[in-house]
Protein backbone atom coordinates (compact mmCIF):
# COMPACT_ATOMS: atom_id res chain seq x y z
CA MET A 1 0.00 0.00 0.00
CA ALA A 2 3.02 2.28 -0.32
CA TYR A 3 4.05 4.57 -3.13
CA SER A 4 7.71 5.29 -3.70
CA MET A 5 8.42 8.83 -4.80
CA SER A 6 11.86 7.71 -5.94
CA ASP A 7 10.19 6.12 -8.98
CA ALA A 8 9.11 9.47 -10.43
CA ASP A 9 10.30 13.04 -10.74
CA PRO A 10 9.26 14.57 -7.37
CA ASP A 11 8.81 18.07 -8.76
CA THR A 12 6.51 16.84 -11.52
CA LEU A 13 4.59 14.65 -9.07
CA LEU A 14 4.08 17.48 -6.59
CA TYR A 15 3.03 19.95 -9.31
CA GLU A 16 0.44 17.57 -10.72
CA MET A 17 -0.96 16.62 -7.30
CA VAL A 18 -1.03 20.16 -5.96
CA SER A 19 -2.97 21.48 -8.96
CA LEU A 20 -5.55 18.71 -8.65
CA LEU A 21 -5.86 18.71 -4.89
CA LYS A 22 -6.22 22.45 -4.56
CA VAL A 23 -9.41 21.93 -6.56
CA LEU A 24 -10.53 19.11 -4.29
CA GLY A 25 -9.71 20.90 -1.04
CA LEU A 26 -8.32 17.70 0.40
CA SER A 27 -7.04 16.74 3.81
CA LEU A 28 -3.98 14.55 3.53
CA TRP A 29 -2.88 11.77 5.85
CA LEU A 30 0.78 10.81 5.73
CA TYR A 31 2.12 7.54 7.07
CA LEU A 32 5.91 7.60 7.17
CA ALA A 33 8.09 4.59 7.98
CA SER A 34 12.37 3.76 8.33
CA GLN A 35 -10.70 -8.41 -13.88
CA GLY A 36 -14.02 -9.48 -14.10
CA SER A 37 -16.39 -9.54 -17.07
CA LYS A 38 -17.45 -6.37 -18.85
CA ALA A 39 -20.64 -4.85 -17.48
CA VAL A 40 -22.51 -2.66 -19.93
CA VAL A 41 -25.42 -0.34 -19.29
CA SER A 42 -28.57 -1.22 -21.19
CA GLN A 43 -29.19 1.15 -24.10
CA SER A 44 -32.99 0.98 -23.78
CA PRO A 45 -33.66 0.80 -20.06
CA ALA A 46 -36.98 0.17 -18.43
CA VAL A 47 -38.07 2.78 -15.90
CA ALA A 48 -39.39 2.03 -12.41
CA ASN A 49 -40.79 4.45 -9.86
CA GLY A 50 -39.63 5.20 -6.35
CA THR A 51 -39.72 7.87 -3.67
CA VAL A 52 -37.01 9.53 -1.62
CA ARG A 53 -38.28 10.41 1.85
CA ILE A 54 -36.53 13.19 3.74
CA ASP A 55 -37.20 14.48 7.23
CA GLY A 56 -36.27 18.14 7.28
CA ALA A 57 -36.94 18.86 10.96
CA SER A 58 -33.32 18.60 12.11
CA SER A 59 -30.02 17.18 10.94
CA ILE A 60 -28.92 13.70 12.04
CA GLY A 61 -25.21 14.38 11.66
CA MET A 62 -22.66 17.09 11.03
CA ILE A 63 -19.58 16.37 8.91
CA ASP A 64 -16.39 18.41 9.01
CA GLU A 65 -15.71 21.01 6.36
CA ASP A 66 -12.78 18.84 5.28
CA PHE A 67 -14.79 15.60 5.32
CA ILE A 68 -13.03 14.37 2.16
CA CYS A 69 -9.55 13.13 3.05
CA ALA A 70 -6.95 10.83 1.49
CA THR A 71 -4.04 8.86 2.90
CA MET A 72 -0.58 8.80 1.41
CA ASP A 73 1.60 5.86 2.37
CA TRP A 74 5.13 6.97 1.53
CA TRP A 75 8.16 4.85 2.25
CA PRO A 76 11.23 7.08 2.01
CA PRO A 77 14.66 5.84 0.91
CA THR A 78 16.59 3.92 3.56
CA ASN A 79 18.97 6.87 3.96
CA ALA A 80 16.17 9.40 4.41
CA THR A 81 16.76 12.06 7.04
CA THR A 82 14.27 13.87 9.22
CA GLU A 83 14.94 16.97 7.12
CA LEU A 84 14.02 15.11 3.91
CA VAL A 85 10.84 13.70 5.42
CA VAL A 86 9.68 17.01 6.84
CA GLY A 87 10.68 18.80 3.64
CA VAL A 88 8.16 16.70 1.76
CA VAL A 89 5.53 17.53 4.36
CA LEU A 90 6.18 21.23 3.78
CA HIS A 91 5.07 20.85 0.18
CA PHE A 92 1.78 19.36 1.33
CA SER A 93 1.14 21.54 4.38
CA ILE A 94 0.98 24.66 2.20
CA TRP A 95 -2.31 23.59 0.62
CA ALA A 96 -3.61 20.67 2.68
CA GLU A 97 -4.21 19.81 6.31
CA VAL A 98 -1.61 17.16 7.16
CA ILE A 99 -1.92 14.38 9.71
CA PHE A 100 1.08 12.24 10.67
CA GLY A 101 0.86 8.61 11.68
CA LEU A 102 3.38 7.73 14.41
CA ASN A 103 4.97 4.33 15.04
CA ALA A 104 3.27 2.97 18.17
CA LEU A 105 5.50 -0.11 18.53
CA THR A 106 8.73 1.60 19.59
CA GLY A 107 9.76 0.43 23.05
CA ARG A 108 7.48 -2.60 23.13
CA THR A 109 8.38 -6.28 23.23
CA ILE A 110 6.62 -8.46 20.66
CA GLY A 111 5.86 -11.98 21.84
CA SER A 112 5.87 -15.14 19.73
CA ASP A 113 2.08 -15.08 19.71
CA GLY A 114 2.05 -11.59 18.18
CA THR A 115 0.98 -9.74 21.30
CA SER A 116 3.01 -6.78 22.51
CA THR A 117 3.93 -5.79 26.05
CA GLY A 118 5.35 -2.66 27.55
CA ALA A 119 4.66 1.04 27.16
CA TRP A 120 5.24 3.11 24.05
CA ASP A 121 8.64 4.85 23.83
CA SER A 122 7.74 8.35 22.69
CA SER A 123 11.28 9.72 22.30
CA ASN A 124 11.40 9.49 18.49
CA ALA A 125 7.96 11.04 18.21
CA VAL A 126 8.96 13.87 20.53
CA SER A 127 11.97 14.65 18.31
CA LEU A 128 9.86 14.67 15.16
CA ILE A 129 7.11 16.81 16.68
CA ARG A 130 9.64 19.33 18.03
CA HIS A 131 11.32 19.48 14.63
CA THR A 132 8.06 20.32 12.84
CA VAL A 133 7.31 23.06 15.37
CA ASN A 134 10.81 24.53 15.21
CA SER A 135 10.62 24.49 11.40
CA GLY A 136 7.31 26.32 11.41
CA TYR A 137 5.29 23.51 9.81
CA THR A 138 1.58 23.29 10.54
CA ILE A 139 0.42 19.78 11.42
CA HIS A 140 -3.31 19.20 11.79
CA GLY A 141 -3.02 16.05 13.88
CA TRP A 142 -0.84 13.24 15.21
CA GLU A 143 -2.18 9.69 15.11
CA LEU A 144 -0.67 6.95 17.24
CA GLY A 145 -0.32 3.58 15.55
CA ASN A 146 -1.62 1.67 12.58
CA GLU A 147 -3.82 -1.44 12.72
CA LEU A 148 -2.86 -2.57 16.23
CA SER A 149 -6.40 -2.68 17.66
CA GLY A 150 -8.28 -5.89 18.40
CA ASN A 151 -6.28 -8.82 17.02
CA GLY A 152 -4.14 -6.39 15.05
CA ILE A 153 -2.29 -6.99 11.80
CA GLY A 154 0.89 -8.83 12.74
CA THR A 155 0.73 -7.70 16.35
CA SER A 156 -1.68 -6.02 18.73
CA VAL A 157 -1.71 -3.77 21.78
CA ALA A 158 -4.09 -4.16 24.72
CA PRO A 159 -6.71 -1.37 24.82
CA GLU A 160 -5.80 -0.22 28.34
CA GLN A 161 -2.11 0.13 27.43
CA TYR A 162 -2.98 1.84 24.14
CA ALA A 163 -5.14 4.34 26.03
CA SER A 164 -2.26 5.06 28.40
CA ASP A 165 0.04 5.67 25.43
CA VAL A 166 -2.46 8.11 23.91
CA VAL A 167 -2.43 10.03 27.19
CA THR A 168 1.37 10.22 26.84
CA LEU A 169 1.03 11.57 23.30
CA GLN A 170 -1.53 14.15 24.39
CA LYS A 171 0.79 15.37 27.18
CA THR A 172 3.61 15.62 24.63
CA VAL A 173 1.48 17.67 22.24
CA GLN A 174 0.30 19.96 25.02
CA ASP A 175 3.87 20.51 26.19
CA ILE A 176 5.48 21.13 22.79
CA TYR A 177 2.64 23.33 21.53
CA GLN A 178 2.40 25.30 24.76
CA GLY A 179 1.39 28.87 23.95
CA PHE A 180 -0.11 27.94 20.57
CA GLU A 181 -3.70 29.11 20.18
CA LYS A 182 -4.55 26.05 18.10
CA LYS A 183 -3.01 22.69 18.89
CA PRO A 184 -2.97 19.55 16.71
CA LEU A 185 -5.50 16.81 17.20
CA VAL A 186 -4.55 13.54 18.87
CA LEU A 187 -5.97 10.54 17.02
CA GLY A 188 -5.99 6.75 17.33
CA PRO A 189 -5.96 3.83 17.09
CA GLY A 190 -6.20 3.65 13.29
CA GLY A 191 -7.27 0.01 13.25
CA PHE A 192 -10.15 -2.32 12.51
CA PHE A 193 -13.24 -1.88 14.62
CA LEU A 194 -13.94 -4.36 17.41
CA ALA A 195 -16.61 -3.11 19.79
CA ASP A 196 -15.23 -4.42 23.09
CA TRP A 197 -11.66 -3.29 22.35
CA PHE A 198 -12.76 0.18 21.18
CA THR A 199 -15.01 0.63 24.23
CA LYS A 200 -12.12 0.00 26.63
CA PHE A 201 -9.73 2.13 24.57
CA ILE A 202 -12.05 5.15 24.27
CA ASN A 203 -13.04 4.93 27.92
CA GLY A 204 -9.40 5.01 28.99
CA ALA A 205 -8.25 7.71 26.58
CA SER A 206 -11.30 9.92 26.07
CA GLY A 207 -9.90 12.83 28.05
CA SER A 208 -6.84 12.88 25.79
CA LEU A 209 -8.28 11.54 22.53
CA GLN A 210 -9.97 14.03 20.22
CA VAL A 211 -10.59 11.61 17.33
CA VAL A 212 -11.11 7.86 17.29
CA THR A 213 -10.12 6.40 13.92
CA HIS A 214 -10.95 3.09 12.31
CA HIS A 215 -10.13 1.41 9.00
CA ILE A 216 -12.48 -0.12 6.43
CA TYR A 217 -11.65 -2.94 4.01
CA ASN A 218 -15.02 -4.64 4.14
CA LEU A 219 -14.92 -5.97 0.56
CA GLY A 220 -12.19 -8.49 1.35
CA PRO A 221 -9.08 -9.05 -0.79
CA GLY A 222 -8.71 -7.37 -4.15
CA VAL A 223 -8.32 -10.78 -5.81
CA ASP A 224 -11.77 -11.91 -4.65
CA ASP A 225 -13.72 -13.29 -7.63
CA HIS A 226 -16.91 -11.82 -6.13
CA LEU A 227 -15.56 -8.29 -5.62
CA ILE A 228 -17.87 -6.60 -8.13
CA ASP A 229 -20.82 -8.71 -6.97
CA LYS A 230 -20.30 -7.32 -3.46
CA ILE A 231 -20.11 -3.74 -4.71
CA LEU A 232 -23.40 -4.14 -6.60
CA ASP A 233 -25.21 -6.02 -3.82
CA PRO A 234 -27.45 -3.68 -1.75
CA SER A 235 -27.56 -6.14 1.15
CA TYR A 236 -23.79 -6.34 1.28
CA LEU A 237 -23.51 -2.55 1.22
CA ASP A 238 -26.08 -2.33 4.03
CA GLY A 239 -23.80 -4.46 6.19
CA GLY A 240 -21.20 -1.72 6.01
CA ALA A 241 -23.28 0.40 8.39
CA GLN A 242 -22.56 -1.74 11.45
CA PRO A 243 -19.17 -0.29 12.49
CA PHE A 244 -20.46 3.27 12.02
CA ARG A 245 -23.57 2.53 14.08
CA ASP A 246 -21.76 0.62 16.82
CA LEU A 247 -19.01 3.20 17.19
CA GLN A 248 -21.52 6.03 17.55
CA ASN A 249 -23.38 4.02 20.19
CA ILE A 250 -20.13 3.63 22.15
CA LEU A 251 -19.37 7.36 21.97
CA LYS A 252 -22.89 8.26 23.11
CA THR A 253 -22.89 5.70 25.92
CA LEU A 254 -19.55 6.92 27.27
CA GLY A 255 -20.62 10.55 26.98
CA THR A 256 -17.27 11.55 25.53
CA SER A 257 -16.39 14.53 23.33
CA THR A 258 -14.28 12.22 21.13
CA VAL A 259 -15.54 12.11 17.54
CA ALA A 260 -15.28 9.37 14.90
CA TRP A 261 -13.28 9.43 11.68
CA VAL A 262 -12.62 6.79 9.07
CA GLY A 263 -8.83 6.98 9.10
CA GLU A 264 -8.24 4.70 6.12
CA ALA A 265 -10.61 3.05 3.66
CA GLY A 266 -9.52 1.19 0.56
CA GLY A 267 -12.46 -1.19 0.44
CA ALA A 268 -10.47 -4.15 -0.88
CA TYR A 269 -7.18 -4.92 0.84
CA ASN A 270 -3.85 -5.94 -0.71
CA SER A 271 -3.90 -2.90 -3.01
CA GLY A 272 -7.36 -3.44 -4.44
CA ARG A 273 -7.74 -4.63 -8.03
CA ASN A 274 -6.86 -2.92 -11.28
CA LEU A 275 -9.90 -1.85 -13.33
CA VAL A 276 -12.15 -2.31 -10.32
CA THR A 277 -11.00 -0.20 -7.38
CA ASN A 278 -9.60 2.42 -9.76
CA ALA A 279 -12.53 2.29 -12.19
CA PHE A 280 -16.05 3.69 -12.38
CA VAL A 281 -17.68 0.77 -10.56
CA PHE A 282 -15.83 1.63 -7.35
CA SER A 283 -17.60 4.98 -7.08
CA PHE A 284 -20.73 3.00 -6.18
CA TRP A 285 -18.97 1.68 -3.07
CA TYR A 286 -17.05 4.88 -2.30
CA LEU A 287 -19.98 7.29 -2.50
CA ASP A 288 -22.22 4.87 -0.62
CA GLN A 289 -19.60 4.81 2.13
CA LEU A 290 -19.44 8.61 2.23
CA GLY A 291 -23.22 8.85 2.47
CA MET A 292 -23.58 6.06 5.01
CA SER A 293 -20.74 7.17 7.27
CA SER A 294 -21.96 10.77 7.36
CA SER A 295 -25.44 9.61 8.33
CA TYR A 296 -23.84 8.11 11.47
CA ASP A 297 -22.10 11.40 12.31
CA THR A 298 -18.65 10.40 11.06
CA LYS A 299 -16.78 13.69 10.82
CA THR A 300 -14.07 12.86 8.25
CA TYR A 301 -13.57 10.01 5.77
CA CYS A 302 -10.04 9.27 4.55
CA ARG A 303 -9.68 7.32 1.33
CA GLN A 304 -6.81 4.92 0.81
CA SER A 305 -5.16 6.47 -1.06
CA LEU A 306 -4.27 9.69 -2.82
CA ILE A 307 -1.85 7.77 -4.99
CA GLY A 308 -0.57 4.21 -4.88
CA GLY A 309 -1.93 0.70 -5.20
CA ASN A 310 -4.97 0.13 -7.37
CA TYR A 311 -7.25 2.31 -5.26
CA GLY A 312 -5.63 5.73 -5.58
CA LEU A 313 -7.63 8.82 -6.45
CA LEU A 314 -4.88 9.56 -8.99
CA ASN A 315 -3.33 7.26 -11.57
CA THR A 316 0.05 6.09 -10.28
CA THR A 317 1.81 6.69 -13.61
CA THR A 318 0.13 9.71 -15.22
CA TYR A 319 -1.41 11.32 -12.10
CA VAL A 320 -4.61 11.74 -14.10
CA PRO A 321 -7.67 11.49 -11.83
CA ASN A 322 -9.37 8.14 -11.52
CA PRO A 323 -13.21 8.13 -11.44
CA ASP A 324 -13.42 8.38 -7.65
CA TYR A 325 -11.57 11.71 -7.78
CA TYR A 326 -14.53 13.25 -9.60
CA SER A 327 -16.96 11.58 -7.23
CA ALA A 328 -15.07 13.08 -4.29
CA LEU A 329 -14.89 16.47 -5.98
CA LEU A 330 -18.63 16.66 -6.60
CA TRP A 331 -19.32 15.55 -3.03
CA HIS A 332 -16.96 18.23 -1.73
CA ARG A 333 -18.63 20.94 -3.83
CA LEU A 334 -22.27 19.99 -3.36
CA MET A 335 -22.86 18.15 -0.07
CA GLY A 336 -23.13 20.50 2.90
CA ARG A 337 -22.14 19.71 6.46
CA LYS A 338 -25.66 18.99 7.77
CA VAL A 339 -26.88 15.44 7.12
CA LEU A 340 -30.58 14.76 6.59
CA SER A 341 -32.55 11.65 7.53
CA THR A 342 -33.15 9.98 4.16
CA SER A 343 -34.71 6.74 2.94
CA PHE A 344 -35.87 5.31 -0.37
CA VAL A 345 -39.16 3.52 -1.02
CA GLY A 346 -39.06 1.31 -4.10
CA THR A 347 -36.34 -0.87 -5.60
CA ASN A 348 -33.50 -1.79 -3.27
CA LYS A 349 -31.08 -0.99 -6.09
CA ILE A 350 -31.25 2.74 -5.32
CA ARG A 351 -28.98 4.15 -2.62
CA ALA A 352 -30.20 7.56 -1.45
CA TYR A 353 -28.59 10.22 0.74
CA ALA A 354 -29.34 13.90 1.29
CA HIS A 355 -27.56 16.84 2.90
CA CYS A 356 -28.29 20.51 3.15
CA ALA A 357 -26.72 22.05 0.06
CA LYS A 358 -23.23 23.48 0.42
CA ASN A 359 -22.99 27.28 0.43
CA SER A 360 -26.38 27.65 -1.23
CA PRO A 361 -30.08 27.30 -0.39
CA GLY A 362 -31.91 24.00 -0.51
CA ILE A 363 -30.66 20.42 -0.41
CA THR A 364 -28.42 18.10 -2.39
CA LEU A 365 -29.48 14.53 -3.18
CA LEU A 366 -27.05 11.71 -3.91
CA LEU A 367 -28.70 8.84 -5.78
CA ILE A 368 -26.85 5.68 -6.85
CA ASN A 369 -28.49 3.17 -9.20
CA LEU A 370 -26.99 -0.32 -8.88
CA ASP A 371 -29.34 -1.82 -11.50
CA ASN A 372 -27.85 -2.58 -14.92
CA SER A 373 -31.09 -2.40 -16.90
CA THR A 374 -33.70 -0.34 -15.08
CA GLY A 375 -33.75 3.41 -14.64
CA VAL A 376 -35.74 4.95 -11.82
CA GLN A 377 -38.05 7.96 -11.82
CA VAL A 378 -37.68 9.44 -8.37
CA GLY A 379 -40.33 11.37 -6.49
CA LEU A 380 -39.70 13.38 -3.33
CA SER A 381 -41.61 13.21 -0.07
CA VAL A 382 -40.31 15.82 2.35
CA GLU A 383 -41.53 16.05 5.94
CA ASN A 384 -41.28 19.25 8.00
CA ILE A 385 -40.69 21.47 5.01
CA VAL A 386 -40.89 25.20 5.68
CA GLN A 387 -44.52 26.17 5.07
CA GLN A 388 -45.07 29.50 3.35
CA THR A 389 -47.83 31.29 1.52
CA ARG A 390 -47.31 31.60 -2.19
CA LYS A 391 -46.46 35.30 -1.88
CA THR A 392 -44.13 34.78 1.08
CA LYS A 393 -42.53 31.81 -0.62
CA PHE A 394 -41.87 33.83 -3.74
CA THR A 395 -40.38 36.79 -1.92
CA SER A 396 -38.22 34.76 0.47
CA ILE A 397 -36.83 32.33 -2.07
CA TYR A 398 -36.45 34.63 -5.03
CA LYS A 399 -35.50 37.85 -3.26
CA HIS A 400 -31.81 37.18 -3.73
CA HIS A 401 -31.98 34.48 -6.40
CA THR A 402 -33.19 34.56 -9.99
CA LYS A 403 -35.50 31.93 -11.41
CA PHE A 404 -32.50 30.54 -13.30
CA GLU A 405 -30.59 30.13 -10.05
CA MET A 406 -33.51 28.23 -8.53
CA MET A 407 -33.49 25.58 -11.26
CA ARG A 408 -32.61 22.05 -10.17
CA GLU A 409 -28.98 21.25 -10.96
CA GLU A 410 -28.22 17.67 -11.98
CA TYR A 411 -24.83 15.98 -12.28
CA HIS A 412 -25.19 12.56 -13.93
CA LEU A 413 -22.08 10.35 -13.79
CA THR A 414 -21.80 7.34 -16.11
CA PRO A 415 -18.90 5.19 -17.38
CA LYS A 416 -17.58 5.48 -20.93
CA ASP A 417 -19.32 3.02 -23.26
CA GLY A 418 -21.36 1.79 -20.31
CA ASP A 419 -18.36 -0.24 -19.11
CA LEU A 420 -18.14 -0.37 -15.32
CA HIS A 421 -14.42 -1.16 -15.63
CA SER A 422 -13.80 2.08 -17.50
CA GLN A 423 -11.49 4.67 -15.98
CA THR A 424 -13.14 7.40 -18.04
CA VAL A 425 -16.15 9.23 -16.60
CA LEU A 426 -18.94 11.04 -18.41
CA LEU A 427 -20.66 14.00 -16.77
CA ASN A 428 -24.10 14.55 -18.28
CA GLY A 429 -23.01 12.53 -21.30
CA GLU A 430 -19.70 14.34 -21.90
CA ILE A 431 -16.26 12.87 -21.15
CA ILE A 432 -14.33 14.69 -18.42
CA TYR A 433 -10.85 15.46 -19.75
CA VAL A 434 -7.88 16.85 -17.87
CA ASN A 435 -5.80 19.18 -20.05
CA SER A 436 -2.03 19.05 -20.48
CA SER A 437 -1.58 21.46 -17.55
CA GLY A 438 -3.43 19.15 -15.19
CA ILE A 439 -6.51 21.38 -15.09
CA ILE A 440 -9.92 19.74 -15.01
CA PRO A 441 -12.78 21.46 -16.85
CA PRO A 442 -15.65 23.17 -15.04
CA LEU A 443 -18.06 20.48 -13.92
CA GLU A 444 -21.23 22.11 -15.18
CA PRO A 445 -24.66 20.77 -14.18
CA ARG A 446 -27.68 20.13 -16.32
CA ARG A 447 -30.26 22.71 -15.24
CA VAL A 448 -33.80 21.36 -15.05
CA ASP A 449 -37.14 22.88 -14.13
CA PRO A 450 -37.94 21.69 -10.57
CA SER A 451 -41.29 20.34 -11.78
CA GLU A 452 -39.60 17.85 -14.12
CA PRO A 453 -39.14 14.28 -12.81
CA ILE A 454 -35.77 13.10 -11.53
CA ILE A 455 -34.53 10.16 -13.60
CA VAL A 456 -31.59 8.01 -12.49
CA ALA A 457 -30.27 5.92 -15.37
CA PRO A 458 -29.10 2.29 -14.93
CA PHE A 459 -25.60 1.92 -13.45
CA SER A 460 -25.29 5.65 -12.84
CA ILE A 461 -24.76 8.21 -10.10
CA LEU A 462 -26.71 11.44 -9.70
CA PHE A 463 -26.04 14.49 -7.59
CA ALA A 464 -29.06 16.79 -7.65
CA ARG A 465 -29.01 20.20 -6.00
CA ILE A 466 -32.56 21.41 -5.33
CA PRO A 467 -32.52 25.03 -4.10
CA SER A 468 -36.31 25.33 -3.92
CA ILE A 469 -36.65 22.91 -0.96
CA GLN A 470 -36.36 24.93 2.25
CA LEU A 471 -35.98 22.93 5.48
CA PRO A 472 -35.74 23.88 9.16
CA ALA A 473 -32.68 21.61 9.42
CA CYS A 474 -30.84 23.76 6.91
CA LYS A 475 -31.45 27.12 8.56
């Protein structure tokens, strides 16, 4: 899951990534350490009917402004110095919020059974943190460890000891950043969710832990013959809600101020699979995860990875965006922080999520059609909508907005030639091209009269911004 910058010209790499990620407004997570058959969309789809139900009384979650995040596993050369490592961070910290993952195994003894004993030796971390401060680098957060929770990957740490180590990290951060108005977050454990382990860990560290992080690879290995079947199976996708739900229940039960993030999510482990986790079909899983996690008050969702493996947002050779980059970009531009209670009545092949619109009136719908042959005409049923007389409605909605601005804006995403394995995305029927300077074109919506029906084509994704729907939750 690592990407070696020694394999490419660093200046070219950084230029390409910076130009693309400034557009995305991405948070970046740095970890530093010493084909199936072709699926084609039907050309003459049948059309079914369904209804999106939204409760507009109040929001059910609140995501961070920088909800969209990506990891970057970078393994420096064996002779890398602290100055080299931090120098790379400087490039990123100019335009992105950077979070460092710290080695949580230093100082411990690893037994033959894989369990670790002893406390964390924080001396190396202290040196690194002091160096970043003395160099004037802004670090958004420090995370302790990587996949050591529960049974761990390779080895594990007991939750009580891990909590004690987080307290040590928090004391270190408070000491080194003394006098700073804003201090970095302390995060952990960055591992796979296990309810009993996480309960003990959060309970022991909650006074020092601002963010509890967990990882998601719920699709199994990238070589799984049933990988695409899982992505297109509504029941399988529904099962992905359990860790979000259970973690929120733990946080509420403990009454802690700690919030939940997905610290790393690649879906399919062992680097995913080429032409699946870096192709159009993976946006079904990725966007469903974004919608589902936000509905359980997950504050930030970090994709594995920005670049590297077969699940990067950018192509590892050309740095051209893969389909999920555009999915993330549209989410970032359209989905506001307030999450609305949303359900769909009709076929189980439609995944539906809604947020208050970002920086504009109304709401934004995200609709995902997992059916390969049937389109869906979607109606809206909105509870607790702001009730107004016709005159009041006209004056309040249109006072600062023209009729053109109040049109419904639709962003339909489909794969080139209807091939789910395609790495080329169409927006409203037009291919999205990146020019030679690495600049993506304006992602313009299709503007539709609000009275027209919403149609979601087979094997497609739709973002629909509806400014005319005014809800108490979005005030």
